[in-house]
C-alpha atoms as a PDB file:
ATOM      1  CA  UNK A   1     -13.349  -3.371 -10.470  1.00  0.00           C
ATOM      2  CA  UNK A   2     -16.174  -5.850  -9.999  1.00  0.00           C
ATOM      3  CA  UNK A   3     -15.524  -7.385 -13.404  1.00  0.00           C
ATOM      4  CA  UNK A   4     -11.886  -7.895 -12.498  1.00  0.00           C
ATOM      5  CA  UNK A   5     -12.822  -9.515  -9.204  1.00  0.00           C
ATOM      6  CA  UNK A   6     -15.315 -11.822 -10.923  1.00  0.00           C
ATOM      7  CA  UNK A   7     -12.753 -12.836 -13.516  1.00  0.00           C
ATOM      8  CA  UNK A   8     -10.176 -13.377 -10.800  1.00  0.00           C
ATOM      9  CA  UNK A   9     -12.546 -15.634  -8.837  1.00  0.00           C
ATOM     10  CA  UNK A  10     -13.329 -17.665 -11.941  1.00  0.00           C
ATOM     11  CA  UNK A  11      -9.610 -18.223 -12.495  1.00  0.00           C
ATOM     12  CA  UNK A  12      -9.149 -16.068 -15.568  1.00  0.00           C
ATOM     13  CA  UNK A  13      -6.130 -14.006 -14.532  1.00  0.00           C
ATOM     14  CA  UNK A  14      -5.568 -12.449 -17.966  1.00  0.00           C
ATOM     15  CA  UNK A  15      -9.156 -11.200 -18.225  1.00  0.00           C
ATOM     16  CA  UNK A  16      -8.979  -9.866 -14.667  1.00  0.00           C
ATOM     17  CA  UNK A  17      -5.710  -8.089 -15.466  1.00  0.00           C
ATOM     18  CA  UNK A  18      -7.269  -6.531 -18.585  1.00  0.00           C
ATOM     19  CA  UNK A  19     -10.336  -5.401 -16.621  1.00  0.00           C
ATOM     20  CA  UNK A  20      -8.201  -3.744 -13.937  1.00  0.00           C
ATOM     21  CA  UNK A  21      -5.983  -2.033 -16.513  1.00  0.00           C
ATOM     22  CA  UNK A  22      -9.018  -0.722 -18.367  1.00  0.00           C
ATOM     23  CA  UNK A  23     -10.523   0.523 -15.112  1.00  0.00           C
ATOM     24  CA  UNK A  24      -7.325   2.297 -14.119  1.00  0.00           C
ATOM     25  CA  UNK A  25      -7.112   3.960 -17.534  1.00  0.00           C
ATOM     26  CA  UNK A  26     -10.637   5.341 -17.150  1.00  0.00           C
ATOM     27  CA  UNK A  27     -10.209   6.443 -13.545  1.00  0.00           C
ATOM     28  CA  UNK A  28      -6.617   6.798 -12.377  1.00  0.00           C
ATOM     29  CA  UNK A  29      -7.759   8.209  -9.023  1.00  0.00           C
ATOM     30  CA  UNK A  30      -9.569   5.005  -8.008  1.00  0.00           C
ATOM     31  CA  UNK A  31      -7.361   3.691  -5.209  1.00  0.00           C
ATOM     32  CA  UNK A  32      -9.229   0.354  -4.803  1.00  0.00           C
ATOM     33  CA  UNK A  33      -8.623  -0.419  -8.487  1.00  0.00           C
ATOM     34  CA  UNK A  34      -4.892   0.146  -8.086  1.00  0.00           C
ATOM     35  CA  UNK A  35      -4.861  -2.038  -4.978  1.00  0.00           C
ATOM     36  CA  UNK A  36      -6.760  -4.877  -6.661  1.00  0.00           C
ATOM     37  CA  UNK A  37      -4.490  -4.703  -9.676  1.00  0.00           C
ATOM     38  CA  UNK A  38      -1.293  -4.854  -7.632  1.00  0.00           C
ATOM     39  CA  UNK A  39      -2.650  -7.675  -5.465  1.00  0.00           C
ATOM     40  CA  UNK A  40      -3.519  -9.676  -8.576  1.00  0.00           C
ATOM     41  CA  UNK A  41       0.038  -9.271  -9.834  1.00  0.00           C
ATOM     42  CA  UNK A  42       1.429 -10.252  -6.452  1.00  0.00           C
ATOM     43  CA  UNK A  43      -0.786 -13.378  -6.322  1.00  0.00           C
ATOM     44  CA  UNK A  44       0.403 -14.276  -9.804  1.00  0.00           C
ATOM     45  CA  UNK A  45       3.986 -14.125  -8.614  1.00  0.00           C
ATOM     46  CA  UNK A  46       4.832 -10.917 -10.468  1.00  0.00           C
ATOM     47  CA  UNK A  47       6.246  -8.935  -7.528  1.00  0.00           C
ATOM     48  CA  UNK A  48       8.104  -6.617  -9.890  1.00  0.00           C
ATOM     49  CA  UNK A  49       4.917  -5.787 -11.764  1.00  0.00           C
ATOM     50  CA  UNK A  50       3.035  -5.248  -8.489  1.00  0.00           C
ATOM     51  CA  UNK A  51       5.750  -2.808  -7.403  1.00  0.00           C
ATOM     52  CA  UNK A  52       5.553  -0.997 -10.725  1.00  0.00           C
ATOM     53  CA  UNK A  53       1.763  -0.716 -10.507  1.00  0.00           C
ATOM     54  CA  UNK A  54       1.976   0.783  -7.029  1.00  0.00           C
ATOM     55  CA  UNK A  55       4.762   3.142  -8.084  1.00  0.00           C
ATOM     56  CA  UNK A  56       2.644   4.383 -10.971  1.00  0.00           C
ATOM     57  CA  UNK A  57      -0.370   4.716  -8.663  1.00  0.00           C
ATOM     58  CA  UNK A  58       1.663   6.735  -6.152  1.00  0.00           C
ATOM     59  CA  UNK A  59       2.996   9.002  -8.891  1.00  0.00           C
ATOM     60  CA  UNK A  60      -0.570   9.788  -9.992  1.00  0.00           C
ATOM     61  CA  UNK A  61      -1.945   9.977  -6.430  1.00  0.00           C
ATOM     62  CA  UNK A  62       1.012  11.075  -4.284  1.00  0.00           C
ATOM     63  CA  UNK A  63      -0.802  11.919  -1.051  1.00  0.00           C
ATOM     64  CA  UNK A  64      -2.833   8.730  -0.649  1.00  0.00           C
ATOM     65  CA  UNK A  65      -1.560   6.801   2.388  1.00  0.00           C
ATOM     66  CA  UNK A  66      -3.272   3.523   1.413  1.00  0.00           C
ATOM     67  CA  UNK A  67      -1.115   3.266  -1.714  1.00  0.00           C
ATOM     68  CA  UNK A  68       2.039   3.867   0.302  1.00  0.00           C
ATOM     69  CA  UNK A  69       0.903   1.337   2.901  1.00  0.00           C
ATOM     70  CA  UNK A  70       0.252  -1.316   0.268  1.00  0.00           C
ATOM     71  CA  UNK A  71       3.680  -0.737  -1.290  1.00  0.00           C
ATOM     72  CA  UNK A  72       5.314  -1.116   2.121  1.00  0.00           C
ATOM     73  CA  UNK A  73       3.424  -4.337   2.800  1.00  0.00           C
ATOM     74  CA  UNK A  74       4.287  -5.753  -0.634  1.00  0.00           C
ATOM     75  CA  UNK A  75       7.967  -5.229   0.139  1.00  0.00           C
ATOM     76  CA  UNK A  76       7.648  -6.857   3.544  1.00  0.00           C
ATOM     77  CA  UNK A  77       5.737  -9.839   2.129  1.00  0.00           C
ATOM     78  CA  UNK A  78       8.488 -10.169  -0.483  1.00  0.00           C
ATOM     79  CA  UNK A  79      11.023 -10.360   2.394  1.00  0.00           C
ATOM     80  CA  UNK A  80      12.580  -7.049   1.476  1.00  0.00           C
ATOM     81  CA  UNK A  81      12.397  -5.407   4.905  1.00  0.00           C
ATOM     82  CA  UNK A  82      15.038  -2.758   4.166  1.00  0.00           C
ATOM     83  CA  UNK A  83      13.125  -1.563   1.111  1.00  0.00           C
ATOM     84  CA  UNK A  84       9.914  -1.548   3.140  1.00  0.00           C
ATOM     85  CA  UNK A  85      11.522   0.579   5.829  1.00  0.00           C
ATOM     86  CA  UNK A  86      12.891   3.058   3.302  1.00  0.00           C
ATOM     87  CA  UNK A  87       9.471   3.287   1.640  1.00  0.00           C
ATOM     88  CA  UNK A  88       7.925   3.893   5.042  1.00  0.00           C
ATOM     89  CA  UNK A  89      10.333   6.766   5.670  1.00  0.00           C
ATOM     90  CA  UNK A  90       9.436   8.327   2.310  1.00  0.00           C
ATOM     91  CA  UNK A  91       5.727   7.756   2.977  1.00  0.00           C
ATOM     92  CA  UNK A  92       5.901   9.519   6.334  1.00  0.00           C
ATOM     93  CA  UNK A  93       7.567  12.490   4.646  1.00  0.00           C
ATOM     94  CA  UNK A  94       4.875  12.578   1.963  1.00  0.00           C
ATOM     95  CA  UNK A  95       1.916  11.997   4.317  1.00  0.00           C
ATOM     96  CA  UNK A  96       3.055  13.073   7.813  1.00  0.00           C
ATOM     97  CA  UNK A  97      -0.461  13.157   9.279  1.00  0.00           C
ATOM     98  CA  UNK A  98      -1.474   9.634   8.230  1.00  0.00           C
ATOM     99  CA  UNK A  99      -2.434   7.490  11.184  1.00  0.00           C
ATOM    100  CA  UNK A 100      -2.326   4.328   9.064  1.00  0.00           C
ATOM    101  CA  UNK A 101       1.309   4.921   8.155  1.00  0.00           C
ATOM    102  CA  UNK A 102       2.296   5.802  11.715  1.00  0.00           C
ATOM    103  CA  UNK A 103       0.552   2.668  13.012  1.00  0.00           C
ATOM    104  CA  UNK A 104       2.526   0.601  10.499  1.00  0.00           C
ATOM    105  CA  UNK A 105       5.728   2.343  11.598  1.00  0.00           C
ATOM    106  CA  UNK A 106       5.036   1.391  15.213  1.00  0.00           C
ATOM    107  CA  UNK A 107       4.228  -2.173  14.175  1.00  0.00           C
ATOM    108  CA  UNK A 108       7.481  -2.553  12.210  1.00  0.00           C
ATOM    109  CA  UNK A 109       9.661  -1.303  15.057  1.00  0.00           C
ATOM    110  CA  UNK A 110      11.451  -3.849  17.219  1.00  0.00           C
ATOM    111  CA  UNK A 111       9.558  -4.538  20.415  1.00  0.00           C
ATOM    112  CA  UNK A 112      12.016  -2.575  22.568  1.00  0.00           C
ATOM    113  CA  UNK A 113      11.644   0.700  20.632  1.00  0.00           C
ATOM    114  CA  UNK A 114       7.922   0.624  19.895  1.00  0.00           C
ATOM    115  CA  UNK A 115       7.056   2.896  22.789  1.00  0.00           C
ATOM    116  CA  UNK A 116       9.253   5.720  21.508  1.00  0.00           C
ATOM    117  CA  UNK A 117       7.834   5.337  18.004  1.00  0.00           C
ATOM    118  CA  UNK A 118       4.281   5.325  19.380  1.00  0.00           C
ATOM    119  CA  UNK A 119       4.935   8.583  21.233  1.00  0.00           C
ATOM    120  CA  UNK A 120       6.291  10.108  18.030  1.00  0.00           C
ATOM    121  CA  UNK A 121       3.169   8.929  16.199  1.00  0.00           C
ATOM    122  CA  UNK A 122       0.953  10.515  18.837  1.00  0.00           C
ATOM    123  CA  UNK A 123       2.752  13.839  18.370  1.00  0.00           C
ATOM    124  CA  UNK A 124       2.023  13.816  14.638  1.00  0.00           C
ATOM    125  CA  UNK A 125      -1.569  12.588  14.681  1.00  0.00           C
ATOM    126  CA  UNK A 126      -2.912  12.472  18.203  1.00  0.00           C
ATOM    127  CA  UNK A 127      -6.572  11.983  17.341  1.00  0.00           C
ATOM    128  CA  UNK A 128      -6.267   9.290  14.680  1.00  0.00           C
ATOM    129  CA  UNK A 129      -7.899   5.982  15.627  1.00  0.00           C
ATOM    130  CA  UNK A 130      -5.187   3.924  13.913  1.00  0.00           C
ATOM    131  CA  UNK A 131      -2.542   5.364  16.215  1.00  0.00           C
ATOM    132  CA  UNK A 132      -4.641   5.232  19.353  1.00  0.00           C
ATOM    133  CA  UNK A 133      -5.545   1.580  18.936  1.00  0.00           C
END
């Protein structure tokens, strides 16, 4: 991961991409590697490739909320709010106790219905700091 970040900082996107791919091949459970790889693709303008990377990461690590959260945020940054909302619904089914996902769900709600969503989040994970703050 560090090699990829160094290559990315020096401006060598192809070398950074190769380093991340090699790292993911050696350790497919490394969530930060998947995140760095998808963010590199998104910075390069390859939204489709970033989506594919996160989809592959979620298929290999299905119960990791950070991967779901990143996929949701990629969709929202790409101005695909409907896709982001549908991903959020799937993520909450897959990881119902994730405070990070519930906090994102509250944040994405329109201002008028945030209170109801926050109460629902508190029912599912009442002691999670992400939901409480």
